[in-house]
Amino acid sequence: MTKKQHILSNLKDNYLFAVIRGSSAEEATQISEAVYEGGIKNIEVTFTTPQADESIKALSKKHAETDMVVGAGTVMDAVTARIAIIAGAEFIVSPNFVPEISTMCNTYGIPYLPGCGTVTEIANSMATGVEVVKAFPGGILGPDFIKNVHGPIPHAEIMPSGGVSLDNMDQWVDAGAWAVGIGSALTKGMKENGLDQVKENASTFVKKYEELK
């Protein structure tokens, strides 16, 4: 099994992706730790977070021997992708498909999950070696998007991000989602109740997924 295949296998087994957006690298790290304590193991630190690479580096170093898989999100160019990979990111996610990022990730044996909203974008990304695409924005595309894509391209692996909730996770799972990305729902109530609320939110999503498996 190649490095890339090993990472993809771990990501799929974990299934739930926590999309982390912090006001600072320190906050992103704290939120990530709380989410991990709640049971979500795929941690996507987005580059909308200032100095996101510092958070990725800290998490990667601390959890090197654990089942946490740390990656980078909102990666818009190949330079940022390389910065994230050097910091320790094991997967790269972007809101759109950027061929240069795909090339960079392939060079380092790292999975690239680009945001795609059409069959053309999915096909173009797969032609560069992309194995899993992100259905984005998931809240607009909806679970039927996956079913419709699987008609002509049954081997396309698709992970929704954005629009995934406790109420509709079953629809995404039933539609054949490879995994699901969860964002703002994880930090709901954090301002009032602190990081314990984040941990509880993550745990609730994990329990819901266990029920659906």
N, C-alpha and C. Protein backbone atom coordinates (compact mmCIF):
# COMPACT_ATOMS: atom_id res chain seq x y z
N MET A 1 0.85 -1.19 0.00
CA MET A 1 0.00 0.00 0.00
C MET A 1 0.89 1.25 0.00
N THR A 2 0.63 2.16 -0.92
CA THR A 2 1.42 3.39 -0.99
C THR A 2 1.04 4.32 0.16
N LYS A 3 1.87 5.34 0.37
CA LYS A 3 1.60 6.35 1.39
C LYS A 3 0.23 6.98 1.17
N LYS A 4 -0.06 7.35 -0.07
CA LYS A 4 -1.33 7.99 -0.40
C LYS A 4 -2.50 7.06 -0.12
N GLN A 5 -2.37 5.80 -0.49
CA GLN A 5 -3.44 4.83 -0.26
C GLN A 5 -3.68 4.61 1.23
N HIS A 6 -2.58 4.59 1.99
CA HIS A 6 -2.69 4.40 3.44
C HIS A 6 -3.45 5.55 4.08
N ILE A 7 -3.13 6.78 3.67
CA ILE A 7 -3.82 7.95 4.22
C ILE A 7 -5.30 7.92 3.85
N LEU A 8 -5.59 7.64 2.58
CA LEU A 8 -6.98 7.59 2.13
C LEU A 8 -7.77 6.52 2.89
N SER A 9 -7.13 5.40 3.15
CA SER A 9 -7.79 4.32 3.90
C SER A 9 -8.15 4.78 5.31
N ASN A 10 -7.22 5.47 5.96
CA ASN A 10 -7.48 5.99 7.31
C ASN A 10 -8.59 7.03 7.30
N LEU A 11 -8.55 7.92 6.31
CA LEU A 11 -9.58 8.96 6.21
C LEU A 11 -10.96 8.36 6.03
N LYS A 12 -11.06 7.37 5.18
CA LYS A 12 -12.36 6.73 4.93
C LYS A 12 -12.85 5.98 6.16
N ASP A 13 -11.93 5.29 6.84
CA ASP A 13 -12.32 4.56 8.05
C ASP A 13 -12.84 5.52 9.12
N ASN A 14 -12.21 6.67 9.24
CA ASN A 14 -12.64 7.67 10.23
C ASN A 14 -13.95 8.34 9.82
N TYR A 15 -14.15 8.51 8.53
CA TYR A 15 -15.38 8.98 7.84
C TYR A 15 -15.72 10.45 8.11
N LEU A 16 -15.69 10.89 9.36
CA LEU A 16 -16.07 12.27 9.68
C LEU A 16 -14.87 13.19 9.62
N PHE A 17 -15.00 14.30 8.87
CA PHE A 17 -13.96 15.33 8.78
C PHE A 17 -14.41 16.55 9.57
N ALA A 18 -13.56 17.03 10.47
CA ALA A 18 -13.85 18.27 11.18
C ALA A 18 -13.18 19.42 10.44
N VAL A 19 -13.97 20.36 9.94
CA VAL A 19 -13.44 21.52 9.22
C VAL A 19 -13.23 22.63 10.25
N ILE A 20 -11.96 22.91 10.56
CA ILE A 20 -11.62 23.82 11.66
C ILE A 20 -11.25 25.21 11.15
N ARG A 21 -11.98 26.20 11.63
CA ARG A 21 -11.67 27.60 11.32
C ARG A 21 -11.49 28.34 12.64
N GLY A 22 -10.28 28.78 12.91
CA GLY A 22 -10.01 29.50 14.15
C GLY A 22 -9.64 30.95 13.90
N SER A 23 -9.76 31.78 14.93
CA SER A 23 -9.36 33.19 14.81
C SER A 23 -7.85 33.32 14.92
N SER A 24 -7.20 32.24 15.35
CA SER A 24 -5.74 32.20 15.46
C SER A 24 -5.31 30.74 15.36
N ALA A 25 -4.01 30.53 15.17
CA ALA A 25 -3.49 29.16 15.12
C ALA A 25 -3.74 28.46 16.45
N GLU A 26 -3.58 29.20 17.54
CA GLU A 26 -3.79 28.61 18.87
C GLU A 26 -5.23 28.16 19.05
N GLU A 27 -6.18 29.00 18.63
CA GLU A 27 -7.59 28.63 18.78
C GLU A 27 -7.91 27.43 17.90
N ALA A 28 -7.38 27.40 16.69
CA ALA A 28 -7.62 26.27 15.79
C ALA A 28 -7.11 24.97 16.41
N THR A 29 -5.96 25.05 17.05
CA THR A 29 -5.39 23.88 17.72
C THR A 29 -6.27 23.44 18.88
N GLN A 30 -6.76 24.38 19.65
CA GLN A 30 -7.62 24.05 20.79
C GLN A 30 -8.94 23.42 20.33
N ILE A 31 -9.52 23.98 19.28
CA ILE A 31 -10.77 23.42 18.75
C ILE A 31 -10.52 22.01 18.22
N SER A 32 -9.40 21.84 17.53
CA SER A 32 -9.04 20.52 16.98
C SER A 32 -8.90 19.49 18.09
N GLU A 33 -8.25 19.87 19.17
CA GLU A 33 -8.07 18.96 20.30
C GLU A 33 -9.42 18.57 20.90
N ALA A 34 -10.32 19.54 21.03
CA ALA A 34 -11.64 19.27 21.59
C ALA A 34 -12.44 18.34 20.69
N VAL A 35 -12.36 18.58 19.39
CA VAL A 35 -13.06 17.75 18.41
C VAL A 35 -12.53 16.32 18.47
N TYR A 36 -11.21 16.19 18.57
CA TYR A 36 -10.58 14.87 18.64
C TYR A 36 -11.01 14.13 19.91
N GLU A 37 -11.07 14.85 21.02
CA GLU A 37 -11.53 14.25 22.28
C GLU A 37 -12.98 13.78 22.14
N GLY A 38 -13.74 14.47 21.29
CA GLY A 38 -15.12 14.08 21.05
C GLY A 38 -15.26 12.90 20.11
N GLY A 39 -14.15 12.50 19.47
CA GLY A 39 -14.18 11.29 18.66
C GLY A 39 -13.99 11.46 17.17
N ILE A 40 -13.89 12.70 16.68
CA ILE A 40 -13.65 12.92 15.25
C ILE A 40 -12.14 12.96 15.02
N LYS A 41 -11.65 12.13 14.11
CA LYS A 41 -10.21 11.93 13.97
C LYS A 41 -9.60 12.61 12.75
N ASN A 42 -10.40 12.92 11.74
CA ASN A 42 -9.90 13.64 10.57
C ASN A 42 -10.02 15.14 10.83
N ILE A 43 -8.89 15.81 10.95
CA ILE A 43 -8.87 17.22 11.32
C ILE A 43 -8.37 18.05 10.13
N GLU A 44 -9.23 18.91 9.61
CA GLU A 44 -8.90 19.77 8.46
C GLU A 44 -8.79 21.22 8.94
N VAL A 45 -7.57 21.67 9.14
CA VAL A 45 -7.34 23.05 9.58
C VAL A 45 -7.31 23.94 8.34
N THR A 46 -8.23 24.87 8.27
CA THR A 46 -8.36 25.69 7.06
C THR A 46 -7.40 26.87 7.07
N PHE A 47 -6.99 27.28 5.87
CA PHE A 47 -6.08 28.42 5.74
C PHE A 47 -6.80 29.76 5.79
N THR A 48 -8.06 29.76 6.18
CA THR A 48 -8.71 31.01 6.59
C THR A 48 -8.29 31.34 8.01
N THR A 49 -7.64 30.39 8.68
CA THR A 49 -7.07 30.59 10.01
C THR A 49 -5.69 31.24 9.88
N PRO A 50 -5.44 32.35 10.55
CA PRO A 50 -4.11 32.96 10.49
C PRO A 50 -3.03 31.97 10.96
N GLN A 51 -1.93 31.89 10.20
CA GLN A 51 -0.84 30.96 10.51
C GLN A 51 -1.34 29.53 10.71
N ALA A 52 -2.20 29.12 9.81
CA ALA A 52 -2.77 27.76 9.91
C ALA A 52 -1.69 26.69 9.93
N ASP A 53 -0.59 26.93 9.23
CA ASP A 53 0.48 25.94 9.19
C ASP A 53 1.09 25.68 10.57
N GLU A 54 1.04 26.69 11.46
CA GLU A 54 1.56 26.50 12.81
C GLU A 54 0.68 25.52 13.59
N SER A 55 -0.63 25.63 13.39
CA SER A 55 -1.55 24.70 14.03
C SER A 55 -1.36 23.29 13.49
N ILE A 56 -1.22 23.17 12.17
CA ILE A 56 -1.00 21.87 11.53
C ILE A 56 0.28 21.23 12.06
N LYS A 57 1.32 22.03 12.18
CA LYS A 57 2.61 21.53 12.67
C LYS A 57 2.50 21.04 14.11
N ALA A 58 1.83 21.82 14.96
CA ALA A 58 1.68 21.45 16.37
C ALA A 58 0.86 20.17 16.53
N LEU A 59 -0.23 20.07 15.80
CA LEU A 59 -1.09 18.89 15.90
C LEU A 59 -0.39 17.65 15.34
N SER A 60 0.30 17.82 14.22
CA SER A 60 0.99 16.70 13.58
C SER A 60 2.08 16.14 14.49
N LYS A 61 2.79 17.05 15.16
CA LYS A 61 3.88 16.63 16.04
C LYS A 61 3.34 15.93 17.28
N LYS A 62 2.33 16.51 17.89
CA LYS A 62 1.78 15.95 19.13
C LYS A 62 1.08 14.61 18.90
N HIS A 63 0.41 14.49 17.76
CA HIS A 63 -0.41 13.30 17.52
C HIS A 63 0.19 12.36 16.48
N ALA A 64 1.50 12.44 16.33
CA ALA A 64 2.18 11.61 15.33
C ALA A 64 1.94 10.12 15.53
N GLU A 65 1.80 9.70 16.77
CA GLU A 65 1.63 8.27 17.07
C GLU A 65 0.18 7.92 17.42
N THR A 66 -0.75 8.79 17.08
CA THR A 66 -2.16 8.53 17.36
C THR A 66 -2.92 8.30 16.06
N ASP A 67 -4.24 8.15 16.16
CA ASP A 67 -5.06 7.93 14.97
C ASP A 67 -5.63 9.23 14.40
N MET A 68 -5.17 10.39 14.90
CA MET A 68 -5.57 11.66 14.30
C MET A 68 -4.91 11.80 12.93
N VAL A 69 -5.68 12.24 11.93
CA VAL A 69 -5.13 12.52 10.60
C VAL A 69 -5.30 14.02 10.36
N VAL A 70 -4.20 14.73 10.28
CA VAL A 70 -4.23 16.19 10.17
C VAL A 70 -4.03 16.62 8.72
N GLY A 71 -4.90 17.50 8.25
CA GLY A 71 -4.78 18.01 6.89
C GLY A 71 -5.04 19.50 6.84
N ALA A 72 -5.00 20.05 5.64
CA ALA A 72 -5.20 21.48 5.44
C ALA A 72 -6.39 21.73 4.52
N GLY A 73 -7.18 22.75 4.85
CA GLY A 73 -8.32 23.11 4.02
C GLY A 73 -8.20 24.53 3.49
N THR A 74 -9.10 24.89 2.58
CA THR A 74 -9.09 26.21 1.94
C THR A 74 -7.71 26.52 1.36
N VAL A 75 -7.12 25.53 0.72
CA VAL A 75 -5.82 25.70 0.07
C VAL A 75 -6.08 26.14 -1.36
N MET A 76 -5.64 27.34 -1.70
CA MET A 76 -6.00 27.95 -2.97
C MET A 76 -4.92 27.87 -4.05
N ASP A 77 -3.68 27.51 -3.66
CA ASP A 77 -2.61 27.45 -4.65
C ASP A 77 -1.58 26.41 -4.23
N ALA A 78 -0.69 26.07 -5.16
CA ALA A 78 0.30 25.03 -4.93
C ALA A 78 1.32 25.43 -3.87
N VAL A 79 1.64 26.71 -3.79
CA VAL A 79 2.60 27.18 -2.78
C VAL A 79 2.06 26.91 -1.38
N THR A 80 0.80 27.25 -1.16
CA THR A 80 0.17 27.01 0.14
C THR A 80 0.10 25.51 0.43
N ALA A 81 -0.17 24.73 -0.59
CA ALA A 81 -0.22 23.27 -0.43
C ALA A 81 1.11 22.74 0.07
N ARG A 82 2.21 23.22 -0.52
CA ARG A 82 3.54 22.77 -0.12
C ARG A 82 3.86 23.20 1.31
N ILE A 83 3.47 24.43 1.67
CA ILE A 83 3.67 24.91 3.04
C ILE A 83 2.95 23.99 4.03
N ALA A 84 1.72 23.62 3.68
CA ALA A 84 0.93 22.76 4.55
C ALA A 84 1.55 21.36 4.67
N ILE A 85 2.01 20.83 3.55
CA ILE A 85 2.60 19.49 3.54
C ILE A 85 3.88 19.46 4.37
N ILE A 86 4.71 20.48 4.21
CA ILE A 86 5.96 20.57 4.99
C ILE A 86 5.65 20.68 6.48
N ALA A 87 4.54 21.34 6.81
CA ALA A 87 4.13 21.48 8.21
C ALA A 87 3.60 20.17 8.78
N GLY A 88 3.29 19.21 7.90
CA GLY A 88 2.82 17.91 8.37
C GLY A 88 1.46 17.48 7.87
N ALA A 89 0.81 18.29 7.01
CA ALA A 89 -0.52 17.93 6.51
C ALA A 89 -0.47 16.64 5.71
N GLU A 90 -1.40 15.74 5.98
CA GLU A 90 -1.47 14.46 5.29
C GLU A 90 -2.56 14.44 4.21
N PHE A 91 -3.31 15.51 4.10
CA PHE A 91 -4.25 15.66 2.99
C PHE A 91 -4.51 17.14 2.77
N ILE A 92 -4.86 17.48 1.54
CA ILE A 92 -5.09 18.87 1.15
C ILE A 92 -6.50 18.98 0.55
N VAL A 93 -7.22 20.00 1.02
CA VAL A 93 -8.58 20.24 0.54
C VAL A 93 -8.68 21.68 0.03
N SER A 94 -9.37 21.87 -1.08
CA SER A 94 -9.59 23.22 -1.59
C SER A 94 -11.05 23.38 -1.98
N PRO A 95 -11.54 24.62 -2.04
CA PRO A 95 -12.95 24.84 -2.41
C PRO A 95 -13.21 24.66 -3.90
N ASN A 96 -12.12 24.64 -4.69
CA ASN A 96 -12.24 24.48 -6.14
C ASN A 96 -11.11 23.56 -6.61
N PHE A 97 -11.15 23.19 -7.89
CA PHE A 97 -10.12 22.31 -8.43
C PHE A 97 -9.00 23.14 -9.04
N VAL A 98 -7.78 22.92 -8.55
CA VAL A 98 -6.60 23.62 -9.05
C VAL A 98 -5.59 22.57 -9.52
N PRO A 99 -5.36 22.41 -10.83
CA PRO A 99 -4.46 21.38 -11.34
C PRO A 99 -3.06 21.41 -10.71
N GLU A 100 -2.54 22.62 -10.46
CA GLU A 100 -1.20 22.73 -9.88
C GLU A 100 -1.13 22.15 -8.47
N ILE A 101 -2.22 22.26 -7.72
CA ILE A 101 -2.25 21.66 -6.38
C ILE A 101 -2.23 20.14 -6.50
N SER A 102 -2.96 19.62 -7.48
CA SER A 102 -2.99 18.18 -7.70
C SER A 102 -1.59 17.66 -8.00
N THR A 103 -0.86 18.38 -8.86
CA THR A 103 0.52 18.01 -9.19
C THR A 103 1.41 18.04 -7.96
N MET A 104 1.28 19.09 -7.16
CA MET A 104 2.08 19.22 -5.94
C MET A 104 1.81 18.06 -4.98
N CYS A 105 0.55 17.75 -4.78
CA CYS A 105 0.18 16.68 -3.86
C CYS A 105 0.66 15.32 -4.36
N ASN A 106 0.55 15.08 -5.65
CA ASN A 106 1.05 13.83 -6.22
C ASN A 106 2.55 13.69 -6.03
N THR A 107 3.26 14.81 -6.13
CA THR A 107 4.71 14.80 -5.94
C THR A 107 5.10 14.31 -4.55
N TYR A 108 4.27 14.67 -3.56
CA TYR A 108 4.57 14.30 -2.17
C TYR A 108 3.77 13.07 -1.69
N GLY A 109 2.97 12.48 -2.57
CA GLY A 109 2.19 11.31 -2.19
C GLY A 109 1.08 11.62 -1.20
N ILE A 110 0.50 12.82 -1.35
CA ILE A 110 -0.54 13.29 -0.43
C ILE A 110 -1.88 13.38 -1.16
N PRO A 111 -2.98 12.88 -0.57
CA PRO A 111 -4.29 13.00 -1.21
C PRO A 111 -4.73 14.45 -1.36
N TYR A 112 -5.33 14.75 -2.51
CA TYR A 112 -5.89 16.07 -2.78
C TYR A 112 -7.38 15.92 -3.00
N LEU A 113 -8.18 16.65 -2.21
CA LEU A 113 -9.63 16.60 -2.31
C LEU A 113 -10.13 17.97 -2.76
N PRO A 114 -10.28 18.19 -4.06
CA PRO A 114 -10.72 19.50 -4.56
C PRO A 114 -12.24 19.63 -4.53
N GLY A 115 -12.69 20.87 -4.33
CA GLY A 115 -14.12 21.13 -4.38
C GLY A 115 -14.61 21.11 -5.82
N CYS A 116 -15.66 20.33 -6.07
CA CYS A 116 -16.23 20.22 -7.41
C CYS A 116 -17.75 20.31 -7.33
N GLY A 117 -18.34 21.00 -8.30
CA GLY A 117 -19.79 21.14 -8.31
C GLY A 117 -20.44 20.68 -9.59
N THR A 118 -19.62 20.15 -10.52
CA THR A 118 -20.15 19.64 -11.80
C THR A 118 -19.43 18.36 -12.18
N VAL A 119 -20.04 17.61 -13.08
CA VAL A 119 -19.43 16.37 -13.57
C VAL A 119 -18.14 16.68 -14.32
N THR A 120 -18.11 17.79 -15.04
CA THR A 120 -16.90 18.18 -15.77
C THR A 120 -15.73 18.42 -14.82
N GLU A 121 -15.99 19.14 -13.74
CA GLU A 121 -14.93 19.39 -12.75
C GLU A 121 -14.44 18.09 -12.12
N ILE A 122 -15.37 17.20 -11.82
CA ILE A 122 -15.00 15.91 -11.24
C ILE A 122 -14.12 15.12 -12.20
N ALA A 123 -14.55 15.03 -13.46
CA ALA A 123 -13.80 14.28 -14.47
C ALA A 123 -12.41 14.89 -14.70
N ASN A 124 -12.35 16.22 -14.76
CA ASN A 124 -11.06 16.89 -14.96
C ASN A 124 -10.10 16.64 -13.80
N SER A 125 -10.63 16.65 -12.58
CA SER A 125 -9.77 16.43 -11.41
C SER A 125 -9.30 14.98 -11.36
N MET A 126 -10.18 14.05 -11.68
CA MET A 126 -9.81 12.64 -11.67
C MET A 126 -8.73 12.34 -12.72
N ALA A 127 -8.75 13.07 -13.81
CA ALA A 127 -7.76 12.88 -14.88
C ALA A 127 -6.35 13.24 -14.42
N THR A 128 -6.24 14.04 -13.32
CA THR A 128 -4.93 14.43 -12.81
C THR A 128 -4.48 13.54 -11.64
N GLY A 129 -5.27 12.53 -11.33
CA GLY A 129 -4.90 11.62 -10.25
C GLY A 129 -5.68 11.80 -8.97
N VAL A 130 -6.64 12.72 -8.95
CA VAL A 130 -7.48 12.91 -7.76
C VAL A 130 -8.35 11.66 -7.56
N GLU A 131 -8.39 11.16 -6.33
CA GLU A 131 -9.16 9.94 -6.05
C GLU A 131 -10.45 10.21 -5.29
N VAL A 132 -10.51 11.34 -4.58
CA VAL A 132 -11.73 11.72 -3.87
C VAL A 132 -11.97 13.21 -4.09
N VAL A 133 -13.19 13.57 -4.48
CA VAL A 133 -13.51 14.98 -4.65
C VAL A 133 -14.46 15.44 -3.55
N LYS A 134 -14.43 16.73 -3.30
CA LYS A 134 -15.32 17.32 -2.32
C LYS A 134 -16.51 17.94 -3.04
N ALA A 135 -17.72 17.49 -2.71
CA ALA A 135 -18.91 18.10 -3.27
C ALA A 135 -19.13 19.41 -2.54
N PHE A 136 -18.91 20.52 -3.25
CA PHE A 136 -18.97 21.82 -2.59
C PHE A 136 -19.60 22.86 -3.50
N PRO A 137 -20.51 23.70 -2.95
CA PRO A 137 -21.03 23.65 -1.58
C PRO A 137 -22.10 22.57 -1.40
N GLY A 138 -21.88 21.70 -0.43
CA GLY A 138 -22.78 20.58 -0.22
C GLY A 138 -24.21 20.98 0.08
N GLY A 139 -24.36 22.10 0.78
CA GLY A 139 -25.70 22.54 1.14
C GLY A 139 -26.55 22.92 -0.07
N ILE A 140 -25.91 23.33 -1.14
CA ILE A 140 -26.63 23.69 -2.37
C ILE A 140 -26.80 22.47 -3.27
N LEU A 141 -25.74 21.65 -3.38
CA LEU A 141 -25.79 20.49 -4.27
C LEU A 141 -26.74 19.42 -3.75
N GLY A 142 -26.70 19.13 -2.46
CA GLY A 142 -27.60 18.15 -1.86
C GLY A 142 -27.18 16.71 -2.12
N PRO A 143 -27.69 15.76 -1.33
CA PRO A 143 -27.33 14.35 -1.44
C PRO A 143 -27.60 13.74 -2.82
N ASP A 144 -28.63 14.22 -3.51
CA ASP A 144 -28.95 13.66 -4.83
C ASP A 144 -27.84 13.90 -5.84
N PHE A 145 -26.99 14.89 -5.58
CA PHE A 145 -25.87 15.16 -6.48
C PHE A 145 -24.98 13.93 -6.59
N ILE A 146 -24.71 13.28 -5.46
CA ILE A 146 -23.87 12.09 -5.47
C ILE A 146 -24.52 10.97 -6.25
N LYS A 147 -25.81 10.75 -6.00
CA LYS A 147 -26.52 9.68 -6.71
C LYS A 147 -26.50 9.93 -8.22
N ASN A 148 -26.70 11.17 -8.62
CA ASN A 148 -26.73 11.50 -10.04
C ASN A 148 -25.37 11.33 -10.70
N VAL A 149 -24.31 11.71 -9.99
CA VAL A 149 -22.95 11.54 -10.52
C VAL A 149 -22.60 10.06 -10.64
N HIS A 150 -23.03 9.27 -9.66
CA HIS A 150 -22.71 7.84 -9.67
C HIS A 150 -23.41 7.08 -10.81
N GLY A 151 -24.39 7.73 -11.43
CA GLY A 151 -25.02 7.10 -12.60
C GLY A 151 -23.99 6.89 -13.71
N PRO A 152 -23.42 7.99 -14.25
CA PRO A 152 -22.43 7.85 -15.32
C PRO A 152 -21.02 7.52 -14.82
N ILE A 153 -20.70 7.92 -13.57
CA ILE A 153 -19.35 7.69 -13.04
C ILE A 153 -19.46 6.99 -11.67
N PRO A 154 -19.79 5.71 -11.67
CA PRO A 154 -20.01 5.00 -10.40
C PRO A 154 -18.79 4.91 -9.50
N HIS A 155 -17.59 5.03 -10.09
CA HIS A 155 -16.37 4.91 -9.29
C HIS A 155 -15.89 6.25 -8.72
N ALA A 156 -16.64 7.32 -8.96
CA ALA A 156 -16.26 8.63 -8.40
C ALA A 156 -16.53 8.63 -6.90
N GLU A 157 -15.48 8.93 -6.14
CA GLU A 157 -15.63 9.00 -4.68
C GLU A 157 -15.87 10.46 -4.30
N ILE A 158 -16.96 10.70 -3.56
CA ILE A 158 -17.39 12.08 -3.29
C ILE A 158 -17.66 12.30 -1.81
N MET A 159 -17.09 13.38 -1.29
CA MET A 159 -17.30 13.77 0.10
C MET A 159 -17.95 15.15 0.15
N PRO A 160 -19.15 15.26 0.71
CA PRO A 160 -19.76 16.58 0.83
C PRO A 160 -19.11 17.39 1.95
N SER A 161 -19.05 18.69 1.75
CA SER A 161 -18.58 19.60 2.80
C SER A 161 -19.44 20.85 2.73
N GLY A 162 -19.95 21.24 3.87
CA GLY A 162 -20.90 22.35 3.90
C GLY A 162 -22.31 21.79 3.76
N GLY A 163 -23.17 22.13 4.67
CA GLY A 163 -24.55 21.65 4.59
C GLY A 163 -24.80 20.29 5.21
N VAL A 164 -23.79 19.72 5.87
CA VAL A 164 -23.98 18.43 6.53
C VAL A 164 -24.39 18.69 7.98
N SER A 165 -25.51 18.09 8.39
CA SER A 165 -26.02 18.29 9.75
C SER A 165 -26.44 16.95 10.35
N LEU A 166 -26.77 16.97 11.62
CA LEU A 166 -27.27 15.76 12.28
C LEU A 166 -28.57 15.29 11.62
N ASP A 167 -29.35 16.25 11.14
CA ASP A 167 -30.65 15.93 10.56
C ASP A 167 -30.56 15.31 9.18
N ASN A 168 -29.48 15.62 8.43
CA ASN A 168 -29.42 15.08 7.06
C ASN A 168 -28.24 14.15 6.81
N MET A 169 -27.46 13.84 7.84
CA MET A 169 -26.31 12.97 7.62
C MET A 169 -26.73 11.62 7.03
N ASP A 170 -27.88 11.11 7.47
CA ASP A 170 -28.36 9.83 6.95
C ASP A 170 -28.58 9.88 5.44
N GLN A 171 -29.03 11.02 4.93
CA GLN A 171 -29.27 11.16 3.50
C GLN A 171 -27.95 11.10 2.71
N TRP A 172 -26.91 11.73 3.26
CA TRP A 172 -25.60 11.70 2.60
C TRP A 172 -25.01 10.29 2.63
N VAL A 173 -25.15 9.61 3.76
CA VAL A 173 -24.64 8.25 3.87
C VAL A 173 -25.37 7.33 2.89
N ASP A 174 -26.70 7.45 2.85
CA ASP A 174 -27.50 6.63 1.95
C ASP A 174 -27.19 6.92 0.49
N ALA A 175 -26.80 8.15 0.20
CA ALA A 175 -26.50 8.54 -1.19
C ALA A 175 -25.16 7.99 -1.65
N GLY A 176 -24.36 7.48 -0.70
CA GLY A 176 -23.07 6.90 -1.07
C GLY A 176 -21.88 7.80 -0.84
N ALA A 177 -22.01 8.77 0.09
CA ALA A 177 -20.89 9.67 0.38
C ALA A 177 -19.69 8.88 0.88
N TRP A 178 -18.52 9.18 0.34
CA TRP A 178 -17.27 8.52 0.75
C TRP A 178 -16.92 8.89 2.19
N ALA A 179 -17.25 10.12 2.57
CA ALA A 179 -17.06 10.66 3.91
C ALA A 179 -17.88 11.93 3.97
N VAL A 180 -17.92 12.59 5.13
CA VAL A 180 -18.64 13.87 5.23
C VAL A 180 -17.80 14.88 6.00
N GLY A 181 -17.87 16.14 5.57
CA GLY A 181 -17.16 17.22 6.24
C GLY A 181 -18.13 18.03 7.08
N ILE A 182 -17.78 18.28 8.33
CA ILE A 182 -18.64 19.02 9.26
C ILE A 182 -17.92 20.28 9.70
N GLY A 183 -18.58 21.41 9.57
CA GLY A 183 -17.93 22.68 9.87
C GLY A 183 -18.47 23.41 11.07
N SER A 184 -19.24 24.46 10.84
CA SER A 184 -19.68 25.37 11.90
C SER A 184 -20.52 24.68 12.97
N ALA A 185 -21.15 23.56 12.63
CA ALA A 185 -21.98 22.85 13.62
C ALA A 185 -21.14 22.40 14.82
N LEU A 186 -19.85 22.20 14.60
CA LEU A 186 -18.98 21.72 15.68
C LEU A 186 -18.69 22.80 16.72
N THR A 187 -18.71 24.05 16.30
CA THR A 187 -18.39 25.14 17.23
C THR A 187 -19.64 25.89 17.71
N LYS A 188 -20.80 25.36 17.39
CA LYS A 188 -22.04 25.99 17.83
C LYS A 188 -22.11 25.98 19.36
N GLY A 189 -22.28 27.15 19.94
CA GLY A 189 -22.36 27.25 21.40
C GLY A 189 -21.02 27.39 22.08
N MET A 190 -19.93 27.45 21.32
CA MET A 190 -18.60 27.52 21.92
C MET A 190 -18.38 28.82 22.69
N LYS A 191 -18.89 29.93 22.16
CA LYS A 191 -18.70 31.22 22.82
C LYS A 191 -19.33 31.22 24.21
N GLU A 192 -20.47 30.56 24.32
CA GLU A 192 -21.18 30.55 25.60
C GLU A 192 -20.63 29.49 26.55
N ASN A 193 -20.28 28.32 26.02
CA ASN A 193 -19.96 27.18 26.88
C ASN A 193 -18.53 26.66 26.77
N GLY A 194 -17.73 27.29 25.92
CA GLY A 194 -16.33 26.90 25.83
C GLY A 194 -16.07 25.63 25.03
N LEU A 195 -14.86 25.12 25.17
CA LEU A 195 -14.42 23.98 24.37
C LEU A 195 -15.13 22.68 24.74
N ASP A 196 -15.68 22.61 25.94
CA ASP A 196 -16.45 21.41 26.31
C ASP A 196 -17.65 21.23 25.39
N GLN A 197 -18.20 22.36 24.94
CA GLN A 197 -19.33 22.30 24.01
C GLN A 197 -18.89 21.73 22.66
N VAL A 198 -17.70 22.10 22.22
CA VAL A 198 -17.16 21.58 20.96
C VAL A 198 -16.98 20.07 21.06
N LYS A 199 -16.42 19.63 22.16
CA LYS A 199 -16.24 18.19 22.38
C LYS A 199 -17.58 17.46 22.35
N GLU A 200 -18.58 18.04 23.00
CA GLU A 200 -19.91 17.43 23.04
C GLU A 200 -20.54 17.40 21.65
N ASN A 201 -20.38 18.49 20.90
CA ASN A 201 -20.93 18.54 19.54
C ASN A 201 -20.31 17.45 18.67
N ALA A 202 -18.98 17.30 18.77
CA ALA A 202 -18.29 16.27 18.00
C ALA A 202 -18.77 14.89 18.38
N SER A 203 -18.91 14.65 19.68
CA SER A 203 -19.37 13.36 20.17
C SER A 203 -20.77 13.02 19.65
N THR A 204 -21.61 14.04 19.55
CA THR A 204 -22.98 13.83 19.04
C THR A 204 -22.96 13.37 17.58
N PHE A 205 -22.07 13.97 16.78
CA PHE A 205 -21.95 13.56 15.38
C PHE A 205 -21.39 12.13 15.27
N VAL A 206 -20.43 11.81 16.13
CA VAL A 206 -19.85 10.46 16.11
C VAL A 206 -20.93 9.42 16.46
N LYS A 207 -21.71 9.71 17.49
CA LYS A 207 -22.78 8.78 17.90
C LYS A 207 -23.80 8.61 16.78
N LYS A 208 -24.12 9.71 16.10
CA LYS A 208 -25.09 9.65 15.00
C LYS A 208 -24.56 8.77 13.88
N TYR A 209 -23.29 8.92 13.55
CA TYR A 209 -22.71 8.11 12.49
C TYR A 209 -22.67 6.64 12.88
N GLU A 210 -22.35 6.36 14.14
CA GLU A 210 -22.31 4.97 14.60
C GLU A 210 -23.69 4.32 14.45
N GLU A 211 -24.73 5.10 14.69
CA GLU A 211 -26.11 4.58 14.53
C GLU A 211 -26.42 4.27 13.07
N LEU A 212 -25.82 5.05 12.16
CA LEU A 212 -26.13 4.91 10.73
C LEU A 212 -25.31 3.82 10.05
N LYS A 213 -24.17 3.46 10.64
CA LYS A 213 -23.28 2.48 10.02
C LYS A 213 -23.96 1.11 9.84
